[in-house]
Amino acid sequence: MESLLIALLFAAAASAIGLVIAVIVHTEDAATWIAVFVTMLMTMLGGTFITMPPGPIWSTLSRISLNTYANNAVKTIVINGGALADIGVDLAVLTGVTVAGVIISRILFHIVPGGK
């Protein structure tokens, strides 16, 4: 059940970022390439394929990635047998990005030319 919650929050946060990208750019091709770049950046910084090396620079950089929080939450639940209380910060970040992304995209939709 916890894994499903993490997956849903991660998908919502990624979709909110996609909404912001869609509002900012003017063509489908531009949105596609920006989304590919953002996805690859988050994947690499979030430790999805490789573990980030220890150090203050990498630790700070990894905090800008949604994958960091989703990966930490899944590892805590699945590997360490943790509970929802153990991943409160991770869930809060994913929820915050979702809410902020929807609000920002809504505001930008009204500001950017072509919006309604």
PDB file of N, CA and C in Angstrom:
ATOM      1  N   MET A   1       0.812  -1.192   0.000  1.00  0.00           N
ATOM      2  CA  MET A   1       0.000   0.000   0.000  1.00  0.00           C
ATOM      3  C   MET A   1       0.858   1.260   0.000  1.00  0.00           C
ATOM      4  N   GLU A   2       1.921   1.250   0.796  1.00  0.00           N
ATOM      5  CA  GLU A   2       2.809   2.408   0.868  1.00  0.00           C
ATOM      6  C   GLU A   2       3.487   2.655  -0.472  1.00  0.00           C
ATOM      7  N   SER A   3       3.871   1.580  -1.146  1.00  0.00           N
ATOM      8  CA  SER A   3       4.542   1.719  -2.443  1.00  0.00           C
ATOM      9  C   SER A   3       3.612   2.346  -3.475  1.00  0.00           C
ATOM     10  N   LEU A   4       2.341   2.000  -3.407  1.00  0.00           N
ATOM     11  CA  LEU A   4       1.362   2.592  -4.316  1.00  0.00           C
ATOM     12  C   LEU A   4       1.232   4.098  -4.070  1.00  0.00           C
ATOM     13  N   LEU A   5       1.209   4.485  -2.818  1.00  0.00           N
ATOM     14  CA  LEU A   5       1.137   5.907  -2.473  1.00  0.00           C
ATOM     15  C   LEU A   5       2.355   6.660  -3.001  1.00  0.00           C
ATOM     16  N   ILE A   6       3.524   6.085  -2.834  1.00  0.00           N
ATOM     17  CA  ILE A   6       4.753   6.714  -3.327  1.00  0.00           C
ATOM     18  C   ILE A   6       4.696   6.860  -4.848  1.00  0.00           C
ATOM     19  N   ALA A   7       4.273   5.805  -5.524  1.00  0.00           N
ATOM     20  CA  ALA A   7       4.193   5.847  -6.988  1.00  0.00           C
ATOM     21  C   ALA A   7       3.199   6.907  -7.461  1.00  0.00           C
ATOM     22  N   LEU A   8       2.055   6.997  -6.804  1.00  0.00           N
ATOM     23  CA  LEU A   8       1.052   7.991  -7.186  1.00  0.00           C
ATOM     24  C   LEU A   8       1.545   9.410  -6.950  1.00  0.00           C
ATOM     25  N   LEU A   9       2.185   9.649  -5.811  1.00  0.00           N
ATOM     26  CA  LEU A   9       2.711  10.986  -5.538  1.00  0.00           C
ATOM     27  C   LEU A   9       3.839  11.353  -6.489  1.00  0.00           C
ATOM     28  N   PHE A  10       4.689  10.386  -6.812  1.00  0.00           N
ATOM     29  CA  PHE A  10       5.778  10.649  -7.763  1.00  0.00           C
ATOM     30  C   PHE A  10       5.224  10.970  -9.146  1.00  0.00           C
ATOM     31  N   ALA A  11       4.230  10.215  -9.586  1.00  0.00           N
ATOM     32  CA  ALA A  11       3.609  10.474 -10.886  1.00  0.00           C
ATOM     33  C   ALA A  11       2.929  11.839 -10.907  1.00  0.00           C
ATOM     34  N   ALA A  12       2.273  12.196  -9.814  1.00  0.00           N
ATOM     35  CA  ALA A  12       1.617  13.507  -9.743  1.00  0.00           C
ATOM     36  C   ALA A  12       2.637  14.636  -9.779  1.00  0.00           C
ATOM     37  N   ALA A  13       3.738  14.483  -9.061  1.00  0.00           N
ATOM     38  CA  ALA A  13       4.777  15.521  -9.048  1.00  0.00           C
ATOM     39  C   ALA A  13       5.432  15.664 -10.426  1.00  0.00           C
ATOM     40  N   ALA A  14       5.715  14.547 -11.068  1.00  0.00           N
ATOM     41  CA  ALA A  14       6.304  14.601 -12.414  1.00  0.00           C
ATOM     42  C   ALA A  14       5.326  15.218 -13.409  1.00  0.00           C
ATOM     43  N   SER A  15       4.051  14.911 -13.266  1.00  0.00           N
ATOM     44  CA  SER A  15       3.038  15.501 -14.146  1.00  0.00           C
ATOM     45  C   SER A  15       2.911  17.000 -13.922  1.00  0.00           C
ATOM     46  N   ALA A  16       3.034  17.437 -12.676  1.00  0.00           N
ATOM     47  CA  ALA A  16       2.972  18.871 -12.381  1.00  0.00           C
ATOM     48  C   ALA A  16       4.140  19.610 -13.025  1.00  0.00           C
ATOM     49  N   ILE A  17       5.309  18.997 -13.010  1.00  0.00           N
ATOM     50  CA  ILE A  17       6.455  19.599 -13.690  1.00  0.00           C
ATOM     51  C   ILE A  17       6.198  19.629 -15.191  1.00  0.00           C
ATOM     52  N   GLY A  18       5.595  18.580 -15.716  1.00  0.00           N
ATOM     53  CA  GLY A  18       5.230  18.554 -17.136  1.00  0.00           C
ATOM     54  C   GLY A  18       4.247  19.655 -17.497  1.00  0.00           C
ATOM     55  N   LEU A  19       3.310  19.956 -16.602  1.00  0.00           N
ATOM     56  CA  LEU A  19       2.374  21.059 -16.839  1.00  0.00           C
ATOM     57  C   LEU A  19       3.104  22.394 -16.939  1.00  0.00           C
ATOM     58  N   VAL A  20       4.049  22.613 -16.045  1.00  0.00           N
ATOM     59  CA  VAL A  20       4.816  23.865 -16.086  1.00  0.00           C
ATOM     60  C   VAL A  20       5.584  23.967 -17.393  1.00  0.00           C
ATOM     61  N   ILE A  21       6.206  22.881 -17.807  1.00  0.00           N
ATOM     62  CA  ILE A  21       6.951  22.883 -19.075  1.00  0.00           C
ATOM     63  C   ILE A  21       6.002  23.171 -20.234  1.00  0.00           C
ATOM     64  N   ALA A  22       4.840  22.540 -20.236  1.00  0.00           N
ATOM     65  CA  ALA A  22       3.880  22.716 -21.329  1.00  0.00           C
ATOM     66  C   ALA A  22       3.376  24.149 -21.434  1.00  0.00           C
ATOM     67  N   VAL A  23       3.234  24.816 -20.306  1.00  0.00           N
ATOM     68  CA  VAL A  23       2.741  26.192 -20.324  1.00  0.00           C
ATOM     69  C   VAL A  23       3.813  27.151 -20.824  1.00  0.00           C
ATOM     70  N   ILE A  24       5.067  26.876 -20.492  1.00  0.00           N
ATOM     71  CA  ILE A  24       6.144  27.806 -20.819  1.00  0.00           C
ATOM     72  C   ILE A  24       6.503  27.776 -22.301  1.00  0.00           C
ATOM     73  N   VAL A  25       6.575  26.599 -22.895  1.00  0.00           N
ATOM     74  CA  VAL A  25       7.023  26.489 -24.293  1.00  0.00           C
ATOM     75  C   VAL A  25       5.845  26.664 -25.249  1.00  0.00           C
ATOM     76  N   HIS A  26       6.180  26.913 -26.510  1.00  0.00           N
ATOM     77  CA  HIS A  26       5.136  27.197 -27.491  1.00  0.00           C
ATOM     78  C   HIS A  26       4.907  26.070 -28.491  1.00  0.00           C
ATOM     79  N   THR A  27       5.828  25.112 -28.562  1.00  0.00           N
ATOM     80  CA  THR A  27       5.649  24.027 -29.523  1.00  0.00           C
ATOM     81  C   THR A  27       5.759  22.673 -28.823  1.00  0.00           C
ATOM     82  N   GLU A  28       5.166  21.686 -29.445  1.00  0.00           N
ATOM     83  CA  GLU A  28       5.222  20.329 -28.906  1.00  0.00           C
ATOM     84  C   GLU A  28       6.645  19.782 -28.916  1.00  0.00           C
ATOM     85  N   ASP A  29       7.396  20.090 -29.970  1.00  0.00           N
ATOM     86  CA  ASP A  29       8.782  19.615 -30.047  1.00  0.00           C
ATOM     87  C   ASP A  29       9.637  20.186 -28.922  1.00  0.00           C
ATOM     88  N   ALA A  30       9.464  21.469 -28.636  1.00  0.00           N
ATOM     89  CA  ALA A  30      10.231  22.088 -27.556  1.00  0.00           C
ATOM     90  C   ALA A  30       9.878  21.446 -26.218  1.00  0.00           C
ATOM     91  N   ALA A  31       8.601  21.205 -25.991  1.00  0.00           N
ATOM     92  CA  ALA A  31       8.172  20.566 -24.740  1.00  0.00           C
ATOM     93  C   ALA A  31       8.769  19.169 -24.617  1.00  0.00           C
ATOM     94  N   THR A  32       8.794  18.449 -25.720  1.00  0.00           N
ATOM     95  CA  THR A  32       9.348  17.093 -25.701  1.00  0.00           C
ATOM     96  C   THR A  32      10.811  17.105 -25.311  1.00  0.00           C
ATOM     97  N   TRP A  33      11.599  17.973 -25.929  1.00  0.00           N
ATOM     98  CA  TRP A  33      13.036  17.998 -25.656  1.00  0.00           C
ATOM     99  C   TRP A  33      13.360  18.524 -24.267  1.00  0.00           C
ATOM    100  N   ILE A  34      12.608  19.497 -23.804  1.00  0.00           N
ATOM    101  CA  ILE A  34      12.826  19.978 -22.437  1.00  0.00           C
ATOM    102  C   ILE A  34      12.460  18.883 -21.444  1.00  0.00           C
ATOM    103  N   ALA A  35      11.372  18.180 -21.698  1.00  0.00           N
ATOM    104  CA  ALA A  35      10.963  17.091 -20.808  1.00  0.00           C
ATOM    105  C   ALA A  35      12.002  15.968 -20.791  1.00  0.00           C
ATOM    106  N   VAL A  36      12.578  15.656 -21.940  1.00  0.00           N
ATOM    107  CA  VAL A  36      13.628  14.629 -21.998  1.00  0.00           C
ATOM    108  C   VAL A  36      14.836  15.070 -21.173  1.00  0.00           C
ATOM    109  N   PHE A  37      15.236  16.327 -21.335  1.00  0.00           N
ATOM    110  CA  PHE A  37      16.383  16.843 -20.582  1.00  0.00           C
ATOM    111  C   PHE A  37      16.106  16.804 -19.078  1.00  0.00           C
ATOM    112  N   VAL A  38      14.945  17.284 -18.664  1.00  0.00           N
ATOM    113  CA  VAL A  38      14.596  17.305 -17.240  1.00  0.00           C
ATOM    114  C   VAL A  38      14.523  15.879 -16.688  1.00  0.00           C
ATOM    115  N   THR A  39      13.938  14.972 -17.443  1.00  0.00           N
ATOM    116  CA  THR A  39      13.840  13.574 -17.004  1.00  0.00           C
ATOM    117  C   THR A  39      15.222  12.949 -16.822  1.00  0.00           C
ATOM    118  N   MET A  40      16.094  13.157 -17.787  1.00  0.00           N
ATOM    119  CA  MET A  40      17.444  12.585 -17.680  1.00  0.00           C
ATOM    120  C   MET A  40      18.225  13.212 -16.530  1.00  0.00           C
ATOM    121  N   LEU A  41      18.075  14.518 -16.343  1.00  0.00           N
ATOM    122  CA  LEU A  41      18.753  15.195 -15.240  1.00  0.00           C
ATOM    123  C   LEU A  41      18.281  14.646 -13.904  1.00  0.00           C
ATOM    124  N   MET A  42      16.971  14.509 -13.752  1.00  0.00           N
ATOM    125  CA  MET A  42      16.433  13.980 -12.494  1.00  0.00           C
ATOM    126  C   MET A  42      16.839  12.525 -12.267  1.00  0.00           C
ATOM    127  N   THR A  43      16.873  11.767 -13.335  1.00  0.00           N
ATOM    128  CA  THR A  43      17.249  10.356 -13.215  1.00  0.00           C
ATOM    129  C   THR A  43      18.689  10.213 -12.749  1.00  0.00           C
ATOM    130  N   MET A  44      19.568  10.990 -13.347  1.00  0.00           N
ATOM    131  CA  MET A  44      20.986  10.876 -12.985  1.00  0.00           C
ATOM    132  C   MET A  44      21.268  11.459 -11.597  1.00  0.00           C
ATOM    133  N   LEU A  45      20.691  12.613 -11.287  1.00  0.00           N
ATOM    134  CA  LEU A  45      20.934  13.228  -9.986  1.00  0.00           C
ATOM    135  C   LEU A  45      20.207  12.511  -8.857  1.00  0.00           C
ATOM    136  N   GLY A  46      19.133  11.817  -9.184  1.00  0.00           N
ATOM    137  CA  GLY A  46      18.337  11.153  -8.158  1.00  0.00           C
ATOM    138  C   GLY A  46      18.836   9.802  -7.739  1.00  0.00           C
ATOM    139  N   GLY A  47      19.892   9.319  -8.357  1.00  0.00           N
ATOM    140  CA  GLY A  47      20.444   8.029  -7.974  1.00  0.00           C
ATOM    141  C   GLY A  47      19.628   6.849  -8.444  1.00  0.00           C
ATOM    142  N   THR A  48      18.924   7.004  -9.554  1.00  0.00           N
ATOM    143  CA  THR A  48      18.095   5.909 -10.048  1.00  0.00           C
ATOM    144  C   THR A  48      18.950   4.774 -10.598  1.00  0.00           C
ATOM    145  N   PHE A  49      19.968   5.108 -11.383  1.00  0.00           N
ATOM    146  CA  PHE A  49      20.811   4.071 -11.982  1.00  0.00           C
ATOM    147  C   PHE A  49      22.131   3.902 -11.257  1.00  0.00           C
ATOM    148  N   ILE A  50      22.667   4.994 -10.768  1.00  0.00           N
ATOM    149  CA  ILE A  50      23.940   4.934 -10.040  1.00  0.00           C
ATOM    150  C   ILE A  50      23.774   5.685  -8.729  1.00  0.00           C
ATOM    151  N   THR A  51      24.502   5.260  -7.717  1.00  0.00           N
ATOM    152  CA  THR A  51      24.472   5.938  -6.436  1.00  0.00           C
ATOM    153  C   THR A  51      25.340   7.186  -6.518  1.00  0.00           C
ATOM    154  N   MET A  52      24.802   8.274  -6.016  1.00  0.00           N
ATOM    155  CA  MET A  52      25.564   9.523  -6.022  1.00  0.00           C
ATOM    156  C   MET A  52      26.751   9.385  -5.073  1.00  0.00           C
ATOM    157  N   PRO A  53      27.925   9.866  -5.490  1.00  0.00           N
ATOM    158  CA  PRO A  53      29.082   9.772  -4.602  1.00  0.00           C
ATOM    159  C   PRO A  53      28.900  10.667  -3.371  1.00  0.00           C
ATOM    160  N   PRO A  54      29.486  10.269  -2.261  1.00  0.00           N
ATOM    161  CA  PRO A  54      29.346  11.101  -1.062  1.00  0.00           C
ATOM    162  C   PRO A  54      30.065  12.439  -1.246  1.00  0.00           C
ATOM    163  N   GLY A  55      29.551  13.429  -0.602  1.00  0.00           N
ATOM    164  CA  GLY A  55      30.158  14.752  -0.672  1.00  0.00           C
ATOM    165  C   GLY A  55      29.095  15.824  -0.666  1.00  0.00           C
ATOM    166  N   PRO A  56      29.452  16.998  -0.214  1.00  0.00           N
ATOM    167  CA  PRO A  56      28.450  18.057  -0.072  1.00  0.00           C
ATOM    168  C   PRO A  56      27.883  18.547  -1.406  1.00  0.00           C
ATOM    169  N   ILE A  57      28.680  18.561  -2.445  1.00  0.00           N
ATOM    170  CA  ILE A  57      28.209  19.054  -3.745  1.00  0.00           C
ATOM    171  C   ILE A  57      27.159  18.103  -4.312  1.00  0.00           C
ATOM    172  N   TRP A  58      27.472  16.811  -4.339  1.00  0.00           N
ATOM    173  CA  TRP A  58      26.546  15.834  -4.909  1.00  0.00           C
ATOM    174  C   TRP A  58      25.285  15.693  -4.072  1.00  0.00           C
ATOM    175  N   SER A  59      25.446  15.784  -2.772  1.00  0.00           N
ATOM    176  CA  SER A  59      24.280  15.692  -1.892  1.00  0.00           C
ATOM    177  C   SER A  59      23.329  16.862  -2.134  1.00  0.00           C
ATOM    178  N   THR A  60      23.892  18.036  -2.304  1.00  0.00           N
ATOM    179  CA  THR A  60      23.076  19.219  -2.575  1.00  0.00           C
ATOM    180  C   THR A  60      22.410  19.122  -3.943  1.00  0.00           C
ATOM    181  N   LEU A  61      23.150  18.702  -4.955  1.00  0.00           N
ATOM    182  CA  LEU A  61      22.592  18.572  -6.301  1.00  0.00           C
ATOM    183  C   LEU A  61      21.482  17.528  -6.361  1.00  0.00           C
ATOM    184  N   SER A  62      21.633  16.455  -5.604  1.00  0.00           N
ATOM    185  CA  SER A  62      20.634  15.394  -5.655  1.00  0.00           C
ATOM    186  C   SER A  62      19.301  15.834  -5.057  1.00  0.00           C
ATOM    187  N   ARG A  63      19.306  16.873  -4.250  1.00  0.00           N
ATOM    188  CA  ARG A  63      18.066  17.338  -3.625  1.00  0.00           C
ATOM    189  C   ARG A  63      17.127  18.033  -4.601  1.00  0.00           C
ATOM    190  N   ILE A  64      17.607  18.397  -5.792  1.00  0.00           N
ATOM    191  CA  ILE A  64      16.715  19.038  -6.761  1.00  0.00           C
ATOM    192  C   ILE A  64      15.949  18.007  -7.592  1.00  0.00           C
ATOM    193  N   SER A  65      16.228  16.750  -7.389  1.00  0.00           N
ATOM    194  CA  SER A  65      15.603  15.689  -8.174  1.00  0.00           C
ATOM    195  C   SER A  65      14.462  15.023  -7.417  1.00  0.00           C
ATOM    196  N   LEU A  66      13.325  14.879  -8.101  1.00  0.00           N
ATOM    197  CA  LEU A  66      12.208  14.126  -7.513  1.00  0.00           C
ATOM    198  C   LEU A  66      12.583  12.677  -7.263  1.00  0.00           C
ATOM    199  N   ASN A  67      13.431  12.154  -8.120  1.00  0.00           N
ATOM    200  CA  ASN A  67      13.824  10.748  -7.999  1.00  0.00           C
ATOM    201  C   ASN A  67      14.506  10.462  -6.667  1.00  0.00           C
ATOM    202  N   THR A  68      15.242  11.436  -6.143  1.00  0.00           N
ATOM    203  CA  THR A  68      15.908  11.251  -4.852  1.00  0.00           C
ATOM    204  C   THR A  68      14.881  10.911  -3.780  1.00  0.00           C
ATOM    205  N   TYR A  69      13.809  11.686  -3.737  1.00  0.00           N
ATOM    206  CA  TYR A  69      12.804  11.491  -2.698  1.00  0.00           C
ATOM    207  C   TYR A  69      11.993  10.219  -2.933  1.00  0.00           C
ATOM    208  N   ALA A  70      11.656   9.936  -4.173  1.00  0.00           N
ATOM    209  CA  ALA A  70      10.928   8.706  -4.478  1.00  0.00           C
ATOM    210  C   ALA A  70      11.794   7.479  -4.188  1.00  0.00           C
ATOM    211  N   ASN A  71      13.067   7.525  -4.594  1.00  0.00           N
ATOM    212  CA  ASN A  71      13.970   6.395  -4.340  1.00  0.00           C
ATOM    213  C   ASN A  71      14.184   6.185  -2.846  1.00  0.00           C
ATOM    214  N   ASN A  72      14.385   7.266  -2.099  1.00  0.00           N
ATOM    215  CA  ASN A  72      14.568   7.138  -0.648  1.00  0.00           C
ATOM    216  C   ASN A  72      13.331   6.515   0.000  1.00  0.00           C
ATOM    217  N   ALA A  73      12.164   6.958  -0.427  1.00  0.00           N
ATOM    218  CA  ALA A  73      10.920   6.430   0.153  1.00  0.00           C
ATOM    219  C   ALA A  73      10.762   4.941  -0.159  1.00  0.00           C
ATOM    220  N   VAL A  74      10.992   4.568  -1.403  1.00  0.00           N
ATOM    221  CA  VAL A  74      10.843   3.155  -1.783  1.00  0.00           C
ATOM    222  C   VAL A  74      11.864   2.295  -1.050  1.00  0.00           C
ATOM    223  N   LYS A  75      13.099   2.752  -0.962  1.00  0.00           N
ATOM    224  CA  LYS A  75      14.127   1.984  -0.241  1.00  0.00           C
ATOM    225  C   LYS A  75      13.752   1.826   1.229  1.00  0.00           C
ATOM    226  N   THR A  76      13.247   2.888   1.830  1.00  0.00           N
ATOM    227  CA  THR A  76      12.870   2.815   3.244  1.00  0.00           C
ATOM    228  C   THR A  76      11.741   1.821   3.463  1.00  0.00           C
ATOM    229  N   ILE A  77      10.748   1.836   2.582  1.00  0.00           N
ATOM    230  CA  ILE A  77       9.598   0.943   2.743  1.00  0.00           C
ATOM    231  C   ILE A  77       9.947  -0.489   2.374  1.00  0.00           C
ATOM    232  N   VAL A  78      10.536  -0.686   1.206  1.00  0.00           N
ATOM    233  CA  VAL A  78      10.741  -2.034   0.684  1.00  0.00           C
ATOM    234  C   VAL A  78      11.950  -2.724   1.308  1.00  0.00           C
ATOM    235  N   ILE A  79      13.072  -2.055   1.352  1.00  0.00           N
ATOM    236  CA  ILE A  79      14.298  -2.701   1.829  1.00  0.00           C
ATOM    237  C   ILE A  79      14.396  -2.697   3.351  1.00  0.00           C
ATOM    238  N   ASN A  80      14.103  -1.528   3.948  1.00  0.00           N
ATOM    239  CA  ASN A  80      14.265  -1.406   5.395  1.00  0.00           C
ATOM    240  C   ASN A  80      13.008  -1.744   6.186  1.00  0.00           C
ATOM    241  N   GLY A  81      11.897  -2.000   5.499  1.00  0.00           N
ATOM    242  CA  GLY A  81      10.663  -2.344   6.185  1.00  0.00           C
ATOM    243  C   GLY A  81      10.079  -1.196   6.992  1.00  0.00           C
ATOM    244  N   GLY A  82      10.288   0.022   6.523  1.00  0.00           N
ATOM    245  CA  GLY A  82       9.802   1.193   7.237  1.00  0.00           C
ATOM    246  C   GLY A  82       8.307   1.398   7.087  1.00  0.00           C
ATOM    247  N   ALA A  83       7.824   2.420   7.760  1.00  0.00           N
ATOM    248  CA  ALA A  83       6.402   2.778   7.716  1.00  0.00           C
ATOM    249  C   ALA A  83       6.259   4.159   7.107  1.00  0.00           C
ATOM    250  N   LEU A  84       5.011   4.592   6.911  1.00  0.00           N
ATOM    251  CA  LEU A  84       4.760   5.919   6.342  1.00  0.00           C
ATOM    252  C   LEU A  84       5.373   7.026   7.192  1.00  0.00           C
ATOM    253  N   ALA A  85       5.404   6.847   8.479  1.00  0.00           N
ATOM    254  CA  ALA A  85       5.991   7.862   9.361  1.00  0.00           C
ATOM    255  C   ALA A  85       7.474   8.059   9.077  1.00  0.00           C
ATOM    256  N   ASP A  86       8.134   7.027   8.574  1.00  0.00           N
ATOM    257  CA  ASP A  86       9.569   7.106   8.287  1.00  0.00           C
ATOM    258  C   ASP A  86       9.873   7.873   7.006  1.00  0.00           C
ATOM    259  N   ILE A  87       8.882   8.052   6.155  1.00  0.00           N
ATOM    260  CA  ILE A  87       9.116   8.721   4.876  1.00  0.00           C
ATOM    261  C   ILE A  87       8.303  10.012   4.758  1.00  0.00           C
ATOM    262  N   GLY A  88       7.998  10.613   5.891  1.00  0.00           N
ATOM    263  CA  GLY A  88       7.194  11.830   5.905  1.00  0.00           C
ATOM    264  C   GLY A  88       7.798  12.966   5.098  1.00  0.00           C
ATOM    265  N   VAL A  89       9.091  13.160   5.218  1.00  0.00           N
ATOM    266  CA  VAL A  89       9.758  14.247   4.476  1.00  0.00           C
ATOM    267  C   VAL A  89       9.686  13.985   2.979  1.00  0.00           C
ATOM    268  N   ASP A  90       9.942  12.760   2.576  1.00  0.00           N
ATOM    269  CA  ASP A  90       9.896  12.413   1.156  1.00  0.00           C
ATOM    270  C   ASP A  90       8.493  12.633   0.583  1.00  0.00           C
ATOM    271  N   LEU A  91       7.481  12.188   1.312  1.00  0.00           N
ATOM    272  CA  LEU A  91       6.108  12.373   0.861  1.00  0.00           C
ATOM    273  C   LEU A  91       5.724  13.844   0.841  1.00  0.00           C
ATOM    274  N   ALA A  92       6.206  14.606   1.811  1.00  0.00           N
ATOM    275  CA  ALA A  92       5.913  16.042   1.856  1.00  0.00           C
ATOM    276  C   ALA A  92       6.535  16.769   0.662  1.00  0.00           C
ATOM    277  N   VAL A  93       7.752  16.397   0.299  1.00  0.00           N
ATOM    278  CA  VAL A  93       8.404  17.037  -0.855  1.00  0.00           C
ATOM    279  C   VAL A  93       7.642  16.712  -2.133  1.00  0.00           C
ATOM    280  N   LEU A  94       7.290  15.456  -2.332  1.00  0.00           N
ATOM    281  CA  LEU A  94       6.555  15.069  -3.532  1.00  0.00           C
ATOM    282  C   LEU A  94       5.189  15.756  -3.591  1.00  0.00           C
ATOM    283  N   THR A  95       4.518  15.847  -2.457  1.00  0.00           N
ATOM    284  CA  THR A  95       3.227  16.532  -2.413  1.00  0.00           C
ATOM    285  C   THR A  95       3.398  18.025  -2.661  1.00  0.00           C
ATOM    286  N   GLY A  96       4.426  18.617  -2.070  1.00  0.00           N
ATOM    287  CA  GLY A  96       4.684  20.040  -2.256  1.00  0.00           C
ATOM    288  C   GLY A  96       4.992  20.388  -3.693  1.00  0.00           C
ATOM    289  N   VAL A  97       5.784  19.560  -4.355  1.00  0.00           N
ATOM    290  CA  VAL A  97       6.100  19.798  -5.767  1.00  0.00           C
ATOM    291  C   VAL A  97       4.834  19.678  -6.613  1.00  0.00           C
ATOM    292  N   THR A  98       3.980  18.736  -6.282  1.00  0.00           N
ATOM    293  CA  THR A  98       2.721  18.575  -7.016  1.00  0.00           C
ATOM    294  C   THR A  98       1.854  19.820  -6.883  1.00  0.00           C
ATOM    295  N   VAL A  99       1.638  20.250  -5.667  1.00  0.00           N
ATOM    296  CA  VAL A  99       0.787  21.416  -5.425  1.00  0.00           C
ATOM    297  C   VAL A  99       1.396  22.670  -6.043  1.00  0.00           C
ATOM    298  N   ALA A 100       2.690  22.878  -5.817  1.00  0.00           N
ATOM    299  CA  ALA A 100       3.356  24.062  -6.364  1.00  0.00           C
ATOM    300  C   ALA A 100       3.335  24.044  -7.890  1.00  0.00           C
ATOM    301  N   GLY A 101       3.575  22.890  -8.488  1.00  0.00           N
ATOM    302  CA  GLY A 101       3.576  22.791  -9.946  1.00  0.00           C
ATOM    303  C   GLY A 101       2.222  23.106 -10.549  1.00  0.00           C
ATOM    304  N   VAL A 102       1.152  22.618  -9.924  1.00  0.00           N
ATOM    305  CA  VAL A 102      -0.197  22.896 -10.428  1.00  0.00           C
ATOM    306  C   VAL A 102      -0.515  24.386 -10.275  1.00  0.00           C
ATOM    307  N   ILE A 103      -0.180  24.964  -9.141  1.00  0.00           N
ATOM    308  CA  ILE A 103      -0.450  26.393  -8.921  1.00  0.00           C
ATOM    309  C   ILE A 103       0.357  27.256  -9.882  1.00  0.00           C
ATOM    310  N   ILE A 104       1.652  26.952 -10.023  1.00  0.00           N
ATOM    311  CA  ILE A 104       2.507  27.732 -10.927  1.00  0.00           C
ATOM    312  C   ILE A 104       2.034  27.601 -12.369  1.00  0.00           C
ATOM    313  N   SER A 105       1.688  26.401 -12.795  1.00  0.00           N
ATOM    314  CA  SER A 105       1.238  26.230 -14.179  1.00  0.00           C
ATOM    315  C   SER A 105      -0.074  26.968 -14.417  1.00  0.00           C
ATOM    316  N   ARG A 106      -0.938  26.983 -13.432  1.00  0.00           N
ATOM    317  CA  ARG A 106      -2.219  27.708 -13.548  1.00  0.00           C
ATOM    318  C   ARG A 106      -1.973  29.213 -13.684  1.00  0.00           C
ATOM    319  N   ILE A 107      -1.089  29.740 -12.865  1.00  0.00           N
ATOM    320  CA  ILE A 107      -0.758  31.169 -12.934  1.00  0.00           C
ATOM    321  C   ILE A 107      -0.096  31.501 -14.265  1.00  0.00           C
ATOM    322  N   LEU A 108       0.871  30.696 -14.668  1.00  0.00           N
ATOM    323  CA  LEU A 108       1.571  30.946 -15.938  1.00  0.00           C
ATOM    324  C   LEU A 108       0.635  30.833 -17.127  1.00  0.00           C
ATOM    325  N   PHE A 109      -0.347  29.963 -17.051  1.00  0.00           N
ATOM    326  CA  PHE A 109      -1.290  29.794 -18.145  1.00  0.00           C
ATOM    327  C   PHE A 109      -2.030  31.107 -18.437  1.00  0.00           C
ATOM    328  N   HIS A 110      -2.296  31.858 -17.374  1.00  0.00           N
ATOM    329  CA  HIS A 110      -2.979  33.134 -17.549  1.00  0.00           C
ATOM    330  C   HIS A 110      -2.025  34.257 -17.957  1.00  0.00           C
ATOM    331  N   ILE A 111      -0.742  34.110 -17.666  1.00  0.00           N
ATOM    332  CA  ILE A 111       0.239  35.150 -17.965  1.00  0.00           C
ATOM    333  C   ILE A 111       0.829  35.004 -19.367  1.00  0.00           C
ATOM    334  N   VAL A 112       1.182  33.783 -19.742  1.00  0.00           N
ATOM    335  CA  VAL A 112       1.848  33.535 -21.015  1.00  0.00           C
ATOM    336  C   VAL A 112       0.871  33.820 -22.170  1.00  0.00           C
ATOM    337  N   PRO A 113       1.331  34.531 -23.192  1.00  0.00           N
ATOM    338  CA  PRO A 113       0.463  34.795 -24.346  1.00  0.00           C
ATOM    339  C   PRO A 113      -0.064  33.497 -24.952  1.00  0.00           C
ATOM    340  N   GLY A 114      -1.332  33.491 -25.300  1.00  0.00           N
ATOM    341  CA  GLY A 114      -1.960  32.292 -25.843  1.00  0.00           C
ATOM    342  C   GLY A 114      -2.764  31.545 -24.807  1.00  0.00           C
ATOM    343  N   GLY A 115      -2.575  31.889 -23.516  1.00  0.00           N
ATOM    344  CA  GLY A 115      -3.350  31.267 -22.461  1.00  0.00           C
ATOM    345  C   GLY A 115      -4.741  31.865 -22.405  1.00  0.00           C
ATOM    346  N   LYS A 116      -5.584  31.341 -21.528  1.00  0.00           N
ATOM    347  CA  LYS A 116      -6.972  31.827 -21.441  1.00  0.00           C
ATOM    348  C   LYS A 116      -7.264  32.363 -20.067  1.00  0.00           C
TER     349      LYS A 116
END
